[in-house]
């Protein structure tokens, strides 16, 4: 019984570590979501949910990305060190 618990604990630990260390894919843009720090990483993270990058630029120490999905436009500001969304607003 002890061995089964140990294996389950090890498997859970490995899965949670893998989830933290791998780049985010298919991320819906919400505050704090990790998208990446390059245009390619950000585009890949959003592409599986149908988002396309309309504009990408480094501005005022942040990555500014304008994205479009189903005609709806949003502007995302991303921390260049962590890759996390730090601000967002509708851009219609």
C-alpha atoms as a PDB file:
ATOM      1  CA  UNK A   1       0.000   0.000   0.000  1.00  0.00           C
ATOM      2  CA  UNK A   2       2.842   2.373   0.869  1.00  0.00           C
ATOM      3  CA  UNK A   3       4.468   1.756  -2.536  1.00  0.00           C
ATOM      4  CA  UNK A   4       1.266   2.560  -4.431  1.00  0.00           C
ATOM      5  CA  UNK A   5       0.924   5.865  -2.544  1.00  0.00           C
ATOM      6  CA  UNK A   6       4.579   6.714  -3.220  1.00  0.00           C
ATOM      7  CA  UNK A   7       4.184   6.057  -6.950  1.00  0.00           C
ATOM      8  CA  UNK A   8       1.043   8.195  -7.078  1.00  0.00           C
ATOM      9  CA  UNK A   9       2.794  11.016  -5.237  1.00  0.00           C
ATOM     10  CA  UNK A  10       5.816  10.844  -7.537  1.00  0.00           C
ATOM     11  CA  UNK A  11       3.612  10.831 -10.651  1.00  0.00           C
ATOM     12  CA  UNK A  12       1.626  13.820  -9.408  1.00  0.00           C
ATOM     13  CA  UNK A  13       4.826  15.711  -8.629  1.00  0.00           C
ATOM     14  CA  UNK A  14       6.285  14.991 -12.065  1.00  0.00           C
ATOM     15  CA  UNK A  15       3.103  16.091 -13.820  1.00  0.00           C
ATOM     16  CA  UNK A  16       2.864  19.345 -11.894  1.00  0.00           C
ATOM     17  CA  UNK A  17       6.556  20.079 -12.522  1.00  0.00           C
ATOM     18  CA  UNK A  18       6.125  19.424 -16.244  1.00  0.00           C
ATOM     19  CA  UNK A  19       3.130  21.747 -16.384  1.00  0.00           C
ATOM     20  CA  UNK A  20       5.125  24.552 -14.776  1.00  0.00           C
ATOM     21  CA  UNK A  21       8.245  24.145 -16.903  1.00  0.00           C
ATOM     22  CA  UNK A  22       6.666  23.804 -20.357  1.00  0.00           C
ATOM     23  CA  UNK A  23       5.540  26.761 -22.471  1.00  0.00           C
ATOM     24  CA  UNK A  24       1.861  27.575 -22.305  1.00  0.00           C
ATOM     25  CA  UNK A  25      -0.233  26.488 -25.269  1.00  0.00           C
ATOM     26  CA  UNK A  26      -3.864  27.221 -26.039  1.00  0.00           C
ATOM     27  CA  UNK A  27      -4.138  30.023 -23.520  1.00  0.00           C
ATOM     28  CA  UNK A  28      -7.225  32.210 -23.334  1.00  0.00           C
ATOM     29  CA  UNK A  29      -5.988  35.749 -22.606  1.00  0.00           C
ATOM     30  CA  UNK A  30      -6.695  36.485 -18.941  1.00  0.00           C
ATOM     31  CA  UNK A  31      -4.734  38.539 -16.438  1.00  0.00           C
ATOM     32  CA  UNK A  32      -1.662  36.652 -15.251  1.00  0.00           C
ATOM     33  CA  UNK A  33      -1.706  34.039 -18.032  1.00  0.00           C
ATOM     34  CA  UNK A  34       1.817  33.163 -19.185  1.00  0.00           C
ATOM     35  CA  UNK A  35       2.086  33.578 -22.952  1.00  0.00           C
ATOM     36  CA  UNK A  36       5.843  33.813 -23.460  1.00  0.00           C
ATOM     37  CA  UNK A  37       8.413  36.506 -24.088  1.00  0.00           C
ATOM     38  CA  UNK A  38       8.807  36.378 -27.877  1.00  0.00           C
ATOM     39  CA  UNK A  39       6.363  36.976 -30.720  1.00  0.00           C
ATOM     40  CA  UNK A  40       6.601  33.290 -31.728  1.00  0.00           C
ATOM     41  CA  UNK A  41       5.866  32.028 -28.202  1.00  0.00           C
ATOM     42  CA  UNK A  42       2.948  34.413 -27.756  1.00  0.00           C
ATOM     43  CA  UNK A  43       1.490  33.570 -31.169  1.00  0.00           C
ATOM     44  CA  UNK A  44       1.793  29.824 -30.475  1.00  0.00           C
ATOM     45  CA  UNK A  45       0.173  30.178 -27.045  1.00  0.00           C
ATOM     46  CA  UNK A  46      -2.852  31.973 -28.509  1.00  0.00           C
ATOM     47  CA  UNK A  47      -3.169  30.266 -31.905  1.00  0.00           C
ATOM     48  CA  UNK A  48      -4.854  27.062 -30.737  1.00  0.00           C
ATOM     49  CA  UNK A  49      -7.725  29.131 -29.319  1.00  0.00           C
ATOM     50  CA  UNK A  50      -8.134  30.948 -32.631  1.00  0.00           C
ATOM     51  CA  UNK A  51      -6.350  34.207 -31.779  1.00  0.00           C
ATOM     52  CA  UNK A  52      -4.133  35.946 -34.318  1.00  0.00           C
ATOM     53  CA  UNK A  53      -1.602  38.662 -33.596  1.00  0.00           C
ATOM     54  CA  UNK A  54      -2.445  41.843 -35.517  1.00  0.00           C
ATOM     55  CA  UNK A  55       0.406  43.897 -34.038  1.00  0.00           C
ATOM     56  CA  UNK A  56       3.426  43.177 -31.829  1.00  0.00           C
ATOM     57  CA  UNK A  57       5.816  45.753 -30.389  1.00  0.00           C
ATOM     58  CA  UNK A  58       8.057  46.446 -27.430  1.00  0.00           C
ATOM     59  CA  UNK A  59       6.874  49.684 -25.905  1.00  0.00           C
ATOM     60  CA  UNK A  60       7.618  51.387 -22.571  1.00  0.00           C
ATOM     61  CA  UNK A  61       9.313  48.304 -21.140  1.00  0.00           C
ATOM     62  CA  UNK A  62       6.389  46.011 -21.983  1.00  0.00           C
ATOM     63  CA  UNK A  63       5.428  43.809 -24.880  1.00  0.00           C
ATOM     64  CA  UNK A  64       2.269  45.198 -26.458  1.00  0.00           C
ATOM     65  CA  UNK A  65       0.236  42.787 -28.547  1.00  0.00           C
ATOM     66  CA  UNK A  66      -3.002  43.422 -30.390  1.00  0.00           C
ATOM     67  CA  UNK A  67      -4.911  40.212 -31.007  1.00  0.00           C
ATOM     68  CA  UNK A  68      -8.032  39.357 -32.989  1.00  0.00           C
ATOM     69  CA  UNK A  69     -10.499  36.494 -32.653  1.00  0.00           C
ATOM     70  CA  UNK A  70     -13.829  36.316 -34.468  1.00  0.00           C
ATOM     71  CA  UNK A  71     -13.594  40.034 -35.274  1.00  0.00           C
ATOM     72  CA  UNK A  72     -13.094  40.961 -31.606  1.00  0.00           C
ATOM     73  CA  UNK A  73      -9.892  42.922 -30.958  1.00  0.00           C
ATOM     74  CA  UNK A  74      -7.969  43.090 -27.681  1.00  0.00           C
ATOM     75  CA  UNK A  75      -4.775  44.777 -26.599  1.00  0.00           C
ATOM     76  CA  UNK A  76      -2.541  42.810 -24.236  1.00  0.00           C
ATOM     77  CA  UNK A  77       0.463  44.099 -22.318  1.00  0.00           C
ATOM     78  CA  UNK A  78       2.932  41.408 -21.374  1.00  0.00           C
ATOM     79  CA  UNK A  79       5.821  41.501 -18.913  1.00  0.00           C
ATOM     80  CA  UNK A  80       8.974  40.895 -20.998  1.00  0.00           C
ATOM     81  CA  UNK A  81      10.660  38.967 -18.160  1.00  0.00           C
ATOM     82  CA  UNK A  82       7.886  36.596 -17.066  1.00  0.00           C
ATOM     83  CA  UNK A  83       5.732  36.467 -20.202  1.00  0.00           C
ATOM     84  CA  UNK A  84       2.620  37.118 -18.081  1.00  0.00           C
ATOM     85  CA  UNK A  85      -0.265  39.337 -19.141  1.00  0.00           C
ATOM     86  CA  UNK A  86      -0.140  42.426 -16.905  1.00  0.00           C
ATOM     87  CA  UNK A  87      -2.866  44.509 -18.574  1.00  0.00           C
ATOM     88  CA  UNK A  88      -5.573  43.981 -21.153  1.00  0.00           C
ATOM     89  CA  UNK A  89      -8.412  45.902 -22.716  1.00  0.00           C
ATOM     90  CA  UNK A  90     -10.886  45.611 -25.537  1.00  0.00           C
ATOM     91  CA  UNK A  91      -9.605  47.336 -28.633  1.00  0.00           C
ATOM     92  CA  UNK A  92     -12.784  47.608 -30.733  1.00  0.00           C
END
